């Protein structure tokens, strides 16, 4: 089960990363700040992906407790 949970976390992080890559960061940062954009993108994708992961499993646990 742990491998499945890690796989789901990985999928969530990759999905959020794909979505965040479509955002135009040039309005916020300077034109030559690709390192800052990369770091912000990675941190945001990990944080948002982990929050999605935790909420997904919290909803799963609550739904299994309702069925019992």
N, C-alpha and C. Protein backbone atom coordinates (compact mmCIF):
# COMPACT_ATOMS: atom_id res chain seq x y z
N UNK A 1 0.82 -1.20 0.00
CA UNK A 1 0.00 0.00 0.00
C UNK A 1 0.86 1.26 0.00
N UNK A 2 2.04 1.19 0.63
CA UNK A 2 2.91 2.37 0.66
C UNK A 2 3.41 2.75 -0.73
N UNK A 3 3.66 1.75 -1.56
CA UNK A 3 4.12 2.03 -2.92
C UNK A 3 3.02 2.73 -3.71
N UNK A 4 1.79 2.30 -3.50
CA UNK A 4 0.66 2.94 -4.19
C UNK A 4 0.50 4.38 -3.73
N UNK A 5 0.65 4.63 -2.42
CA UNK A 5 0.54 5.99 -1.90
C UNK A 5 1.65 6.88 -2.45
N UNK A 6 2.86 6.37 -2.52
CA UNK A 6 3.97 7.15 -3.08
C UNK A 6 3.75 7.43 -4.57
N UNK A 7 3.21 6.45 -5.27
CA UNK A 7 2.92 6.65 -6.69
C UNK A 7 1.85 7.73 -6.89
N UNK A 8 0.82 7.71 -6.05
CA UNK A 8 -0.22 8.73 -6.15
C UNK A 8 0.34 10.10 -5.83
N UNK A 9 1.21 10.20 -4.81
CA UNK A 9 1.85 11.47 -4.49
C UNK A 9 2.69 11.96 -5.66
N UNK A 10 3.43 11.07 -6.28
CA UNK A 10 4.26 11.42 -7.44
C UNK A 10 3.40 11.93 -8.59
N UNK A 11 2.28 11.27 -8.85
CA UNK A 11 1.37 11.69 -9.92
C UNK A 11 0.79 13.07 -9.62
N UNK A 12 0.41 13.31 -8.37
CA UNK A 12 -0.13 14.63 -8.00
C UNK A 12 0.91 15.72 -8.20
N UNK A 13 2.14 15.46 -7.78
CA UNK A 13 3.20 16.47 -7.93
C UNK A 13 3.49 16.74 -9.40
N UNK A 14 3.54 15.70 -10.22
CA UNK A 14 3.76 15.90 -11.65
C UNK A 14 2.62 16.67 -12.31
N UNK A 15 1.40 16.38 -11.91
CA UNK A 15 0.26 17.08 -12.48
C UNK A 15 0.28 18.56 -12.13
N UNK A 16 0.55 18.86 -10.87
CA UNK A 16 0.61 20.26 -10.44
C UNK A 16 1.77 20.97 -11.14
N UNK A 17 2.89 20.27 -11.30
CA UNK A 17 4.05 20.86 -11.98
C UNK A 17 3.70 21.20 -13.43
N UNK A 18 2.98 20.31 -14.11
CA UNK A 18 2.56 20.58 -15.49
C UNK A 18 1.67 21.82 -15.56
N UNK A 19 0.76 21.95 -14.59
CA UNK A 19 -0.15 23.10 -14.58
C UNK A 19 0.62 24.38 -14.28
N UNK A 20 1.57 24.32 -13.35
CA UNK A 20 2.32 25.52 -12.98
C UNK A 20 3.27 25.97 -14.08
N UNK A 21 3.69 25.07 -14.96
CA UNK A 21 4.57 25.46 -16.05
C UNK A 21 3.86 26.34 -17.07
N UNK A 22 2.53 26.26 -17.11
CA UNK A 22 1.77 27.06 -18.07
C UNK A 22 1.57 28.49 -17.61
N UNK A 23 1.88 28.78 -16.34
CA UNK A 23 1.71 30.14 -15.81
C UNK A 23 2.84 31.02 -16.33
N UNK A 24 2.51 32.24 -16.70
CA UNK A 24 3.51 33.19 -17.18
C UNK A 24 4.08 33.95 -15.98
N UNK A 25 5.31 33.62 -15.61
CA UNK A 25 5.95 34.24 -14.45
C UNK A 25 6.69 35.53 -14.79
N UNK A 26 6.76 35.89 -16.06
CA UNK A 26 7.51 37.08 -16.45
C UNK A 26 6.87 38.37 -15.94
N UNK A 27 5.59 38.33 -15.61
CA UNK A 27 4.95 39.51 -15.05
C UNK A 27 5.39 39.73 -13.60
N UNK A 28 5.77 38.67 -12.92
CA UNK A 28 6.16 38.77 -11.51
C UNK A 28 7.67 38.95 -11.38
N UNK A 29 8.45 38.19 -12.14
CA UNK A 29 9.90 38.21 -12.03
C UNK A 29 10.52 38.93 -13.23
N UNK A 30 11.82 39.18 -13.12
CA UNK A 30 12.55 39.78 -14.24
C UNK A 30 12.72 38.74 -15.34
N UNK A 31 13.17 39.19 -16.49
CA UNK A 31 13.29 38.27 -17.63
C UNK A 31 14.39 37.23 -17.44
N UNK A 32 15.47 37.56 -16.76
CA UNK A 32 16.59 36.63 -16.63
C UNK A 32 16.61 35.90 -15.30
N UNK A 33 15.47 35.66 -14.72
CA UNK A 33 15.42 35.01 -13.42
C UNK A 33 14.86 33.59 -13.54
N UNK A 34 15.45 32.80 -14.42
CA UNK A 34 14.94 31.45 -14.64
C UNK A 34 15.20 30.53 -13.45
N UNK A 35 16.30 30.75 -12.71
CA UNK A 35 16.56 29.92 -11.52
C UNK A 35 15.50 30.14 -10.45
N UNK A 36 15.13 31.40 -10.23
CA UNK A 36 14.11 31.69 -9.22
C UNK A 36 12.76 31.10 -9.63
N UNK A 37 12.45 31.20 -10.91
CA UNK A 37 11.19 30.63 -11.40
C UNK A 37 11.20 29.12 -11.23
N UNK A 38 12.32 28.47 -11.52
CA UNK A 38 12.42 27.02 -11.37
C UNK A 38 12.24 26.60 -9.92
N UNK A 39 12.89 27.31 -9.00
CA UNK A 39 12.79 26.96 -7.58
C UNK A 39 11.37 27.18 -7.07
N UNK A 40 10.77 28.31 -7.44
CA UNK A 40 9.38 28.60 -7.00
C UNK A 40 8.43 27.56 -7.58
N UNK A 41 8.64 27.19 -8.83
CA UNK A 41 7.78 26.20 -9.47
C UNK A 41 7.89 24.84 -8.77
N UNK A 42 9.10 24.42 -8.45
CA UNK A 42 9.29 23.14 -7.77
C UNK A 42 8.69 23.15 -6.37
N UNK A 43 8.94 24.22 -5.62
CA UNK A 43 8.39 24.30 -4.26
C UNK A 43 6.87 24.32 -4.26
N UNK A 44 6.29 25.12 -5.14
CA UNK A 44 4.84 25.17 -5.21
C UNK A 44 4.23 23.85 -5.65
N UNK A 45 4.87 23.16 -6.59
CA UNK A 45 4.32 21.89 -7.05
C UNK A 45 4.41 20.83 -5.96
N UNK A 46 5.48 20.84 -5.17
CA UNK A 46 5.58 19.87 -4.06
C UNK A 46 4.55 20.18 -2.98
N UNK A 47 4.41 21.45 -2.63
CA UNK A 47 3.47 21.83 -1.57
C UNK A 47 2.02 21.55 -1.99
N UNK A 48 1.65 22.01 -3.18
CA UNK A 48 0.27 21.81 -3.63
C UNK A 48 -0.01 20.33 -3.89
N UNK A 49 0.96 19.60 -4.45
CA UNK A 49 0.79 18.17 -4.67
C UNK A 49 0.61 17.41 -3.37
N UNK A 50 1.37 17.79 -2.34
CA UNK A 50 1.24 17.13 -1.04
C UNK A 50 -0.10 17.45 -0.40
N UNK A 51 -0.57 18.69 -0.54
CA UNK A 51 -1.88 19.04 0.01
C UNK A 51 -3.00 18.27 -0.70
N UNK A 52 -2.89 18.11 -2.01
CA UNK A 52 -3.87 17.31 -2.75
C UNK A 52 -3.83 15.85 -2.30
N UNK A 53 -2.63 15.34 -2.09
CA UNK A 53 -2.43 13.96 -1.63
C UNK A 53 -3.08 13.75 -0.26
N UNK A 54 -2.82 14.68 0.67
CA UNK A 54 -3.39 14.55 2.01
C UNK A 54 -4.91 14.67 1.98
N UNK A 55 -5.43 15.58 1.18
CA UNK A 55 -6.88 15.73 1.11
C UNK A 55 -7.53 14.51 0.44
N UNK A 56 -6.86 13.95 -0.56
CA UNK A 56 -7.38 12.75 -1.23
C UNK A 56 -7.50 11.59 -0.25
N UNK A 57 -6.46 11.35 0.55
CA UNK A 57 -6.51 10.23 1.48
C UNK A 57 -7.39 10.53 2.69
N UNK A 58 -7.55 11.79 3.05
CA UNK A 58 -8.48 12.13 4.12
C UNK A 58 -9.92 11.86 3.68
N UNK A 59 -10.24 12.24 2.45
CA UNK A 59 -11.58 11.95 1.92
C UNK A 59 -11.79 10.45 1.80
N UNK A 60 -10.76 9.72 1.40
CA UNK A 60 -10.85 8.26 1.30
C UNK A 60 -11.11 7.64 2.67
N UNK A 61 -10.37 8.09 3.69
CA UNK A 61 -10.56 7.54 5.03
C UNK A 61 -11.94 7.88 5.58
N UNK A 62 -12.39 9.10 5.34
CA UNK A 62 -13.73 9.47 5.82
C UNK A 62 -14.82 8.68 5.12
N UNK A 63 -14.64 8.42 3.84
CA UNK A 63 -15.66 7.67 3.11
C UNK A 63 -15.67 6.20 3.52
N UNK A 64 -14.51 5.63 3.84
CA UNK A 64 -14.50 4.24 4.30
C UNK A 64 -15.08 4.13 5.70
N UNK A 65 -14.92 5.17 6.52
CA UNK A 65 -15.51 5.14 7.86
C UNK A 65 -17.03 5.30 7.81
N UNK A 66 -17.55 5.99 6.81
CA UNK A 66 -18.99 6.14 6.68
C UNK A 66 -19.66 4.83 6.28
N UNK A 67 -18.96 4.02 5.51
CA UNK A 67 -19.53 2.77 5.01
C UNK A 67 -19.63 1.74 6.14
N UNK A 68 -18.70 1.78 7.09
CA UNK A 68 -18.70 0.78 8.17
C UNK A 68 -19.86 0.90 9.05
